Amino acid sequence: MFENLNMGDMSKMLEGMQESAKKLEDEMASKTFTVKSGGGVVELVVNGKGECIDLNIDDSLLEDKESLQILLISSFNDAYKMVEDNKKSSAMGMLGGINPFATS
């Protein structure tokens, strides 16, 4: 089964994949995603790693703690989903359309 396996070629292929993964990681880190909640009264900006890099809260929410909490939770969840979806689509592009995330 493995008699035609060339370890040198396999090593080169793995190195190429590692380089591609590093490049993809760098590209994702430089992307930003903006999420707005409550008609724009909360605006959250995250990078491709999922790190929050900016948060703007309209002054009108500062007196309504419960609404602010709900909108912040919604914003963070939406941002997390955007980052994860971007990671999946970028990984699929790198793999040439093979979907390792498919469940069947």
C-alpha atoms as a PDB file:
ATOM      1  CA  MET A   1       0.000   0.000   0.000  1.00  0.00           C
ATOM      2  CA  PHE A   2       2.831   2.453   0.831  1.00  0.00           C
ATOM      3  CA  GLU A   3       5.520   1.018  -1.440  1.00  0.00           C
ATOM      4  CA  ASN A   4       5.461   4.007  -3.820  1.00  0.00           C
ATOM      5  CA  LEU A   5       5.508   6.575  -1.036  1.00  0.00           C
ATOM      6  CA  ASN A   6       8.389   9.037  -1.393  1.00  0.00           C
ATOM      7  CA  MET A   7       9.162  10.601   2.002  1.00  0.00           C
ATOM      8  CA  GLY A   8      11.050  13.498   0.387  1.00  0.00           C
ATOM      9  CA  ASP A   9       8.048  14.473  -1.698  1.00  0.00           C
ATOM     10  CA  MET A  10       5.769  14.117   1.292  1.00  0.00           C
ATOM     11  CA  SER A  11       8.047  16.335   3.368  1.00  0.00           C
ATOM     12  CA  LYS A  12       8.031  19.028   0.657  1.00  0.00           C
ATOM     13  CA  MET A  13       4.251  18.827   0.446  1.00  0.00           C
ATOM     14  CA  LEU A  14       3.919  19.248   4.231  1.00  0.00           C
ATOM     15  CA  GLU A  15       6.311  22.215   4.187  1.00  0.00           C
ATOM     16  CA  GLY A  16       4.221  23.823   1.461  1.00  0.00           C
ATOM     17  CA  MET A  17       1.061  23.288   3.470  1.00  0.00           C
ATOM     18  CA  GLN A  18       2.688  24.811   6.566  1.00  0.00           C
ATOM     19  CA  GLU A  19       3.747  27.864   4.561  1.00  0.00           C
ATOM     20  CA  SER A  20       0.232  28.216   3.160  1.00  0.00           C
ATOM     21  CA  ALA A  21      -1.283  27.887   6.634  1.00  0.00           C
ATOM     22  CA  LYS A  22       1.049  30.572   8.004  1.00  0.00           C
ATOM     23  CA  LYS A  23       0.225  32.895   5.103  1.00  0.00           C
ATOM     24  CA  LEU A  24      -3.490  32.280   5.656  1.00  0.00           C
ATOM     25  CA  GLU A  25      -3.127  33.016   9.380  1.00  0.00           C
ATOM     26  CA  ASP A  26      -1.335  36.290   8.633  1.00  0.00           C
ATOM     27  CA  GLU A  27      -3.990  37.292   6.103  1.00  0.00           C
ATOM     28  CA  MET A  28      -6.789  36.532   8.561  1.00  0.00           C
ATOM     29  CA  ALA A  29      -5.111  38.540  11.317  1.00  0.00           C
ATOM     30  CA  SER A  30      -5.068  41.597   9.064  1.00  0.00           C
ATOM     31  CA  LYS A  31      -8.794  41.392   8.241  1.00  0.00           C
ATOM     32  CA  THR A  32     -11.360  43.281  10.272  1.00  0.00           C
ATOM     33  CA  PHE A  33     -15.039  42.568  10.769  1.00  0.00           C
ATOM     34  CA  THR A  34     -17.555  45.154  11.922  1.00  0.00           C
ATOM     35  CA  VAL A  35     -20.800  44.192  13.625  1.00  0.00           C
ATOM     36  CA  LYS A  36     -23.587  46.633  14.427  1.00  0.00           C
ATOM     37  CA  SER A  37     -26.424  45.863  16.834  1.00  0.00           C
ATOM     38  CA  GLY A  38     -29.530  47.734  17.834  1.00  0.00           C
ATOM     39  CA  GLY A  39     -29.631  49.743  14.644  1.00  0.00           C
ATOM     40  CA  GLY A  40     -26.027  50.818  15.101  1.00  0.00           C
ATOM     41  CA  VAL A  41     -26.097  51.896  18.750  1.00  0.00           C
ATOM     42  CA  VAL A  42     -23.436  49.250  19.435  1.00  0.00           C
ATOM     43  CA  GLU A  43     -20.599  48.785  16.959  1.00  0.00           C
ATOM     44  CA  LEU A  44     -17.941  46.131  17.498  1.00  0.00           C
ATOM     45  CA  VAL A  45     -14.813  45.664  15.377  1.00  0.00           C
ATOM     46  CA  VAL A  46     -12.792  42.439  15.610  1.00  0.00           C
ATOM     47  CA  ASN A  47      -9.771  41.189  13.706  1.00  0.00           C
ATOM     48  CA  GLY A  48      -9.497  37.847  11.936  1.00  0.00           C
ATOM     49  CA  LYS A  49      -8.189  36.226  15.099  1.00  0.00           C
ATOM     50  CA  GLY A  50     -11.406  37.147  16.893  1.00  0.00           C
ATOM     51  CA  GLU A  51      -9.770  39.814  19.039  1.00  0.00           C
ATOM     52  CA  CYS A  52     -11.851  42.887  19.805  1.00  0.00           C
ATOM     53  CA  ILE A  53     -10.043  45.947  18.463  1.00  0.00           C
ATOM     54  CA  ASP A  54     -12.740  48.611  18.847  1.00  0.00           C
ATOM     55  CA  LEU A  55     -16.099  49.072  20.543  1.00  0.00           C
ATOM     56  CA  ASN A  56     -18.432  52.031  20.218  1.00  0.00           C
ATOM     57  CA  ILE A  57     -21.523  52.421  22.390  1.00  0.00           C
ATOM     58  CA  ASP A  58     -24.059  55.159  21.799  1.00  0.00           C
ATOM     59  CA  ASP A  59     -24.538  57.381  24.847  1.00  0.00           C
ATOM     60  CA  SER A  60     -28.269  56.594  24.838  1.00  0.00           C
ATOM     61  CA  LEU A  61     -27.483  53.050  26.059  1.00  0.00           C
ATOM     62  CA  LEU A  62     -25.446  54.099  29.073  1.00  0.00           C
ATOM     63  CA  GLU A  63     -28.593  54.441  31.182  1.00  0.00           C
ATOM     64  CA  ASP A  64     -30.079  51.080  30.096  1.00  0.00           C
ATOM     65  CA  LYS A  65     -27.792  48.362  31.416  1.00  0.00           C
ATOM     66  CA  GLU A  66     -30.019  45.432  30.401  1.00  0.00           C
ATOM     67  CA  SER A  67     -30.335  46.538  26.768  1.00  0.00           C
ATOM     68  CA  LEU A  68     -26.609  47.253  26.623  1.00  0.00           C
ATOM     69  CA  GLN A  69     -25.799  43.753  27.885  1.00  0.00           C
ATOM     70  CA  ILE A  70     -28.128  42.138  25.341  1.00  0.00           C
ATOM     71  CA  LEU A  71     -26.681  44.145  22.458  1.00  0.00           C
ATOM     72  CA  LEU A  72     -23.085  43.458  23.522  1.00  0.00           C
ATOM     73  CA  ILE A  73     -23.722  39.714  23.755  1.00  0.00           C
ATOM     74  CA  SER A  74     -25.386  39.768  20.339  1.00  0.00           C
ATOM     75  CA  SER A  75     -22.502  41.735  18.820  1.00  0.00           C
ATOM     76  CA  PHE A  76     -19.831  39.427  20.220  1.00  0.00           C
ATOM     77  CA  ASN A  77     -21.710  36.323  19.058  1.00  0.00           C
ATOM     78  CA  ASP A  78     -22.210  37.739  15.560  1.00  0.00           C
ATOM     79  CA  ALA A  79     -18.537  38.747  15.338  1.00  0.00           C
ATOM     80  CA  TYR A  80     -17.403  35.294  16.484  1.00  0.00           C
ATOM     81  CA  LYS A  81     -19.566  33.676  13.799  1.00  0.00           C
ATOM     82  CA  MET A  82     -18.152  35.990  11.120  1.00  0.00           C
ATOM     83  CA  VAL A  83     -14.573  35.135  12.094  1.00  0.00           C
ATOM     84  CA  GLU A  84     -15.279  31.382  12.175  1.00  0.00           C
ATOM     85  CA  ASP A  85     -17.072  31.470   8.807  1.00  0.00           C
ATOM     86  CA  ASN A  86     -14.109  33.362   7.330  1.00  0.00           C
ATOM     87  CA  LYS A  87     -11.666  30.793   8.720  1.00  0.00           C
ATOM     88  CA  LYS A  88     -13.671  27.928   7.227  1.00  0.00           C
ATOM     89  CA  SER A  89     -14.018  29.501   3.803  1.00  0.00           C
ATOM     90  CA  SER A  90     -10.327  30.460   3.744  1.00  0.00           C
ATOM     91  CA  ALA A  91      -9.295  26.944   4.762  1.00  0.00           C
ATOM     92  CA  MET A  92     -11.522  25.441   2.066  1.00  0.00           C
ATOM     93  CA  GLY A  93      -9.919  27.734  -0.491  1.00  0.00           C
ATOM     94  CA  MET A  94      -6.479  26.605   0.629  1.00  0.00           C
ATOM     95  CA  LEU A  95      -7.522  22.951   0.361  1.00  0.00           C
ATOM     96  CA  GLY A  96      -8.851  23.433  -3.139  1.00  0.00           C
ATOM     97  CA  GLY A  97     -12.508  22.890  -2.299  1.00  0.00           C
ATOM     98  CA  ILE A  98     -12.141  19.735  -0.210  1.00  0.00           C
ATOM     99  CA  ASN A  99     -14.477  20.311   2.732  1.00  0.00           C
ATOM    100  CA  PRO A 100     -13.019  18.873   5.951  1.00  0.00           C
ATOM    101  CA  PHE A 101     -15.945  20.422   7.862  1.00  0.00           C
ATOM    102  CA  ALA A 102     -18.636  18.467   6.026  1.00  0.00           C
ATOM    103  CA  THR A 103     -20.670  16.051   8.052  1.00  0.00           C
ATOM    104  CA  SER A 104     -22.273  13.173   6.267  1.00  0.00           C
END
